[in-house]
Amino acid sequence: MKDKTFITILAIVMVIGIGVTVGLMIHGYQLWQQISIVEMIANWG
């Protein structure tokens, strides 16, 4: 019973970790796109 609980907690932690990682990657990519667009406008001006 204790082992099953540990595995469940480990699985939840892994899922949260993956979710956070993917979220940061997507957010970082969007942020990078915004910065690159700003740089393009700045260079254009």
PDB file of N, CA and C in Angstrom:
ATOM      1  N   MET A   1       0.846  -1.206   0.000  1.00  0.00           N
ATOM      2  CA  MET A   1       0.000   0.000   0.000  1.00  0.00           C
ATOM      3  C   MET A   1       0.883   1.259   0.000  1.00  0.00           C
ATOM      4  N   LYS A   2       1.924   1.223   0.827  1.00  0.00           N
ATOM      5  CA  LYS A   2       2.835   2.371   0.922  1.00  0.00           C
ATOM      6  C   LYS A   2       3.561   2.589  -0.404  1.00  0.00           C
ATOM      7  N   ASP A   3       3.993   1.495  -1.036  1.00  0.00           N
ATOM      8  CA  ASP A   3       4.698   1.577  -2.322  1.00  0.00           C
ATOM      9  C   ASP A   3       3.800   2.188  -3.393  1.00  0.00           C
ATOM     10  N   LYS A   4       2.527   1.779  -3.405  1.00  0.00           N
ATOM     11  CA  LYS A   4       1.572   2.283  -4.398  1.00  0.00           C
ATOM     12  C   LYS A   4       1.378   3.789  -4.230  1.00  0.00           C
ATOM     13  N   THR A   5       1.295   4.250  -2.989  1.00  0.00           N
ATOM     14  CA  THR A   5       1.140   5.678  -2.702  1.00  0.00           C
ATOM     15  C   THR A   5       2.358   6.444  -3.192  1.00  0.00           C
ATOM     16  N   PHE A   6       3.560   5.900  -2.936  1.00  0.00           N
ATOM     17  CA  PHE A   6       4.814   6.534  -3.358  1.00  0.00           C
ATOM     18  C   PHE A   6       4.866   6.661  -4.876  1.00  0.00           C
ATOM     19  N   ILE A   7       4.484   5.592  -5.580  1.00  0.00           N
ATOM     20  CA  ILE A   7       4.474   5.591  -7.055  1.00  0.00           C
ATOM     21  C   ILE A   7       3.477   6.628  -7.571  1.00  0.00           C
ATOM     22  N   THR A   8       2.310   6.710  -6.922  1.00  0.00           N
ATOM     23  CA  THR A   8       1.283   7.681  -7.321  1.00  0.00           C
ATOM     24  C   THR A   8       1.803   9.107  -7.159  1.00  0.00           C
ATOM     25  N   ILE A   9       2.434   9.390  -6.010  1.00  0.00           N
ATOM     26  CA  ILE A   9       2.998  10.722  -5.742  1.00  0.00           C
ATOM     27  C   ILE A   9       4.083  11.036  -6.765  1.00  0.00           C
ATOM     28  N   LEU A  10       4.949  10.052  -7.041  1.00  0.00           N
ATOM     29  CA  LEU A  10       6.031  10.221  -8.014  1.00  0.00           C
ATOM     30  C   LEU A  10       5.466  10.544  -9.394  1.00  0.00           C
ATOM     31  N   ALA A  11       4.402   9.835  -9.784  1.00  0.00           N
ATOM     32  CA  ALA A  11       3.757  10.055 -11.086  1.00  0.00           C
ATOM     33  C   ALA A  11       3.175  11.467 -11.162  1.00  0.00           C
ATOM     34  N   ILE A  12       2.523  11.917 -10.091  1.00  0.00           N
ATOM     35  CA  ILE A  12       1.934  13.263 -10.043  1.00  0.00           C
ATOM     36  C   ILE A  12       3.029  14.317 -10.159  1.00  0.00           C
ATOM     37  N   VAL A  13       4.135  14.126  -9.417  1.00  0.00           N
ATOM     38  CA  VAL A  13       5.265  15.066  -9.454  1.00  0.00           C
ATOM     39  C   VAL A  13       5.847  15.134 -10.859  1.00  0.00           C
ATOM     40  N   MET A  14       5.991  13.977 -11.514  1.00  0.00           N
ATOM     41  CA  MET A  14       6.526  13.929 -12.880  1.00  0.00           C
ATOM     42  C   MET A  14       5.615  14.674 -13.847  1.00  0.00           C
ATOM     43  N   VAL A  15       4.300  14.437 -13.743  1.00  0.00           N
ATOM     44  CA  VAL A  15       3.324  15.094 -14.625  1.00  0.00           C
ATOM     45  C   VAL A  15       3.375  16.612 -14.434  1.00  0.00           C
ATOM     46  N   ILE A  16       3.420  17.054 -13.169  1.00  0.00           N
ATOM     47  CA  ILE A  16       3.499  18.494 -12.872  1.00  0.00           C
ATOM     48  C   ILE A  16       4.797  19.064 -13.430  1.00  0.00           C
ATOM     49  N   GLY A  17       5.901  18.338 -13.222  1.00  0.00           N
ATOM     50  CA  GLY A  17       7.210  18.769 -13.722  1.00  0.00           C
ATOM     51  C   GLY A  17       7.221  18.930 -15.231  1.00  0.00           C
ATOM     52  N   ILE A  18       6.668  17.948 -15.933  1.00  0.00           N
ATOM     53  CA  ILE A  18       6.595  17.996 -17.405  1.00  0.00           C
ATOM     54  C   ILE A  18       5.706  19.165 -17.840  1.00  0.00           C
ATOM     55  N   GLY A  19       4.572  19.326 -17.160  1.00  0.00           N
ATOM     56  CA  GLY A  19       3.647  20.415 -17.473  1.00  0.00           C
ATOM     57  C   GLY A  19       4.292  21.777 -17.319  1.00  0.00           C
ATOM     58  N   VAL A  20       5.021  21.962 -16.213  1.00  0.00           N
ATOM     59  CA  VAL A  20       5.713  23.234 -15.956  1.00  0.00           C
ATOM     60  C   VAL A  20       6.786  23.471 -17.009  1.00  0.00           C
ATOM     61  N   THR A  21       7.550  22.416 -17.325  1.00  0.00           N
ATOM     62  CA  THR A  21       8.624  22.526 -18.323  1.00  0.00           C
ATOM     63  C   THR A  21       8.059  22.934 -19.678  1.00  0.00           C
ATOM     64  N   VAL A  22       6.990  22.255 -20.105  1.00  0.00           N
ATOM     65  CA  VAL A  22       6.358  22.564 -21.398  1.00  0.00           C
ATOM     66  C   VAL A  22       5.802  23.989 -21.377  1.00  0.00           C
ATOM     67  N   GLY A  23       5.162  24.360 -20.266  1.00  0.00           N
ATOM     68  CA  GLY A  23       4.610  25.703 -20.116  1.00  0.00           C
ATOM     69  C   GLY A  23       5.680  26.774 -20.233  1.00  0.00           C
ATOM     70  N   LEU A  24       6.825  26.551 -19.570  1.00  0.00           N
ATOM     71  CA  LEU A  24       7.936  27.504 -19.633  1.00  0.00           C
ATOM     72  C   LEU A  24       8.506  27.586 -21.038  1.00  0.00           C
ATOM     73  N   MET A  25       8.610  26.441 -21.716  1.00  0.00           N
ATOM     74  CA  MET A  25       9.135  26.412 -23.081  1.00  0.00           C
ATOM     75  C   MET A  25       8.234  27.206 -24.022  1.00  0.00           C
ATOM     76  N   ILE A  26       6.907  26.987 -23.905  1.00  0.00           N
ATOM     77  CA  ILE A  26       5.937  27.691 -24.757  1.00  0.00           C
ATOM     78  C   ILE A  26       5.983  29.191 -24.451  1.00  0.00           C
ATOM     79  N   HIS A  27       5.984  29.539 -23.148  1.00  0.00           N
ATOM     80  CA  HIS A  27       6.022  30.942 -22.733  1.00  0.00           C
ATOM     81  C   HIS A  27       7.317  31.595 -23.202  1.00  0.00           C
ATOM     82  N   GLY A  28       8.425  30.900 -23.051  1.00  0.00           N
ATOM     83  CA  GLY A  28       9.729  31.404 -23.477  1.00  0.00           C
ATOM     84  C   GLY A  28       9.777  31.616 -24.975  1.00  0.00           C
ATOM     85  N   TYR A  29       9.176  30.693 -25.733  1.00  0.00           N
ATOM     86  CA  TYR A  29       9.148  30.804 -27.194  1.00  0.00           C
ATOM     87  C   TYR A  29       8.325  32.014 -27.624  1.00  0.00           C
ATOM     88  N   GLN A  30       7.155  32.213 -26.990  1.00  0.00           N
ATOM     89  CA  GLN A  30       6.301  33.363 -27.297  1.00  0.00           C
ATOM     90  C   GLN A  30       7.024  34.657 -26.952  1.00  0.00           C
ATOM     91  N   LEU A  31       7.720  34.661 -25.805  1.00  0.00           N
ATOM     92  CA  LEU A  31       8.475  35.828 -25.365  1.00  0.00           C
ATOM     93  C   LEU A  31       9.580  36.132 -26.367  1.00  0.00           C
ATOM     94  N   TRP A  32      10.278  35.078 -26.837  1.00  0.00           N
ATOM     95  CA  TRP A  32      11.361  35.226 -27.818  1.00  0.00           C
ATOM     96  C   TRP A  32      10.812  35.789 -29.122  1.00  0.00           C
ATOM     97  N   GLN A  33       9.628  35.327 -29.544  1.00  0.00           N
ATOM     98  CA  GLN A  33       8.992  35.841 -30.765  1.00  0.00           C
ATOM     99  C   GLN A  33       8.677  37.330 -30.610  1.00  0.00           C
ATOM    100  N   GLN A  34       8.136  37.723 -29.458  1.00  0.00           N
ATOM    101  CA  GLN A  34       7.805  39.127 -29.196  1.00  0.00           C
ATOM    102  C   GLN A  34       9.061  39.982 -29.246  1.00  0.00           C
ATOM    103  N   ILE A  35      10.143  39.501 -28.608  1.00  0.00           N
ATOM    104  CA  ILE A  35      11.411  40.242 -28.585  1.00  0.00           C
ATOM    105  C   ILE A  35      11.947  40.386 -30.005  1.00  0.00           C
ATOM    106  N   SER A  36      11.898  39.305 -30.785  1.00  0.00           N
ATOM    107  CA  SER A  36      12.417  39.341 -32.159  1.00  0.00           C
ATOM    108  C   SER A  36      11.593  40.311 -33.018  1.00  0.00           C
ATOM    109  N   ILE A  37      10.283  40.367 -32.786  1.00  0.00           N
ATOM    110  CA  ILE A  37       9.412  41.299 -33.526  1.00  0.00           C
ATOM    111  C   ILE A  37       9.777  42.740 -33.149  1.00  0.00           C
ATOM    112  N   VAL A  38       9.999  42.980 -31.860  1.00  0.00           N
ATOM    113  CA  VAL A  38      10.390  44.315 -31.382  1.00  0.00           C
ATOM    114  C   VAL A  38      11.718  44.723 -32.011  1.00  0.00           C
ATOM    115  N   GLU A  39      12.669  43.794 -32.076  1.00  0.00           N
ATOM    116  CA  GLU A  39      13.983  44.069 -32.685  1.00  0.00           C
ATOM    117  C   GLU A  39      13.829  44.385 -34.173  1.00  0.00           C
ATOM    118  N   MET A  40      12.952  43.659 -34.850  1.00  0.00           N
ATOM    119  CA  MET A  40      12.705  43.901 -36.277  1.00  0.00           C
ATOM    120  C   MET A  40      12.153  45.313 -36.491  1.00  0.00           C
ATOM    121  N   ILE A  41      11.181  45.716 -35.649  1.00  0.00           N
ATOM    122  CA  ILE A  41      10.587  47.053 -35.744  1.00  0.00           C
ATOM    123  C   ILE A  41      11.658  48.109 -35.455  1.00  0.00           C
ATOM    124  N   ALA A  42      12.492  47.857 -34.432  1.00  0.00           N
ATOM    125  CA  ALA A  42      13.560  48.791 -34.059  1.00  0.00           C
ATOM    126  C   ALA A  42      14.562  48.932 -35.206  1.00  0.00           C
ATOM    127  N   ASN A  43      14.935  47.836 -35.822  1.00  0.00           N
ATOM    128  CA  ASN A  43      15.879  47.862 -36.948  1.00  0.00           C
ATOM    129  C   ASN A  43      15.253  48.561 -38.158  1.00  0.00           C
ATOM    130  N   TRP A  44      13.956  48.333 -38.368  1.00  0.00           N
ATOM    131  CA  TRP A  44      13.233  48.953 -39.480  1.00  0.00           C
ATOM    132  C   TRP A  44      13.240  50.474 -39.314  1.00  0.00           C
ATOM    133  N   GLY A  45      13.021  50.922 -38.050  1.00  0.00           N
ATOM    134  CA  GLY A  45      13.001  52.351 -37.734  1.00  0.00           C
ATOM    135  C   GLY A  45      14.424  52.889 -37.740  1.00  0.00           C
TER     136      GLY A  45
END
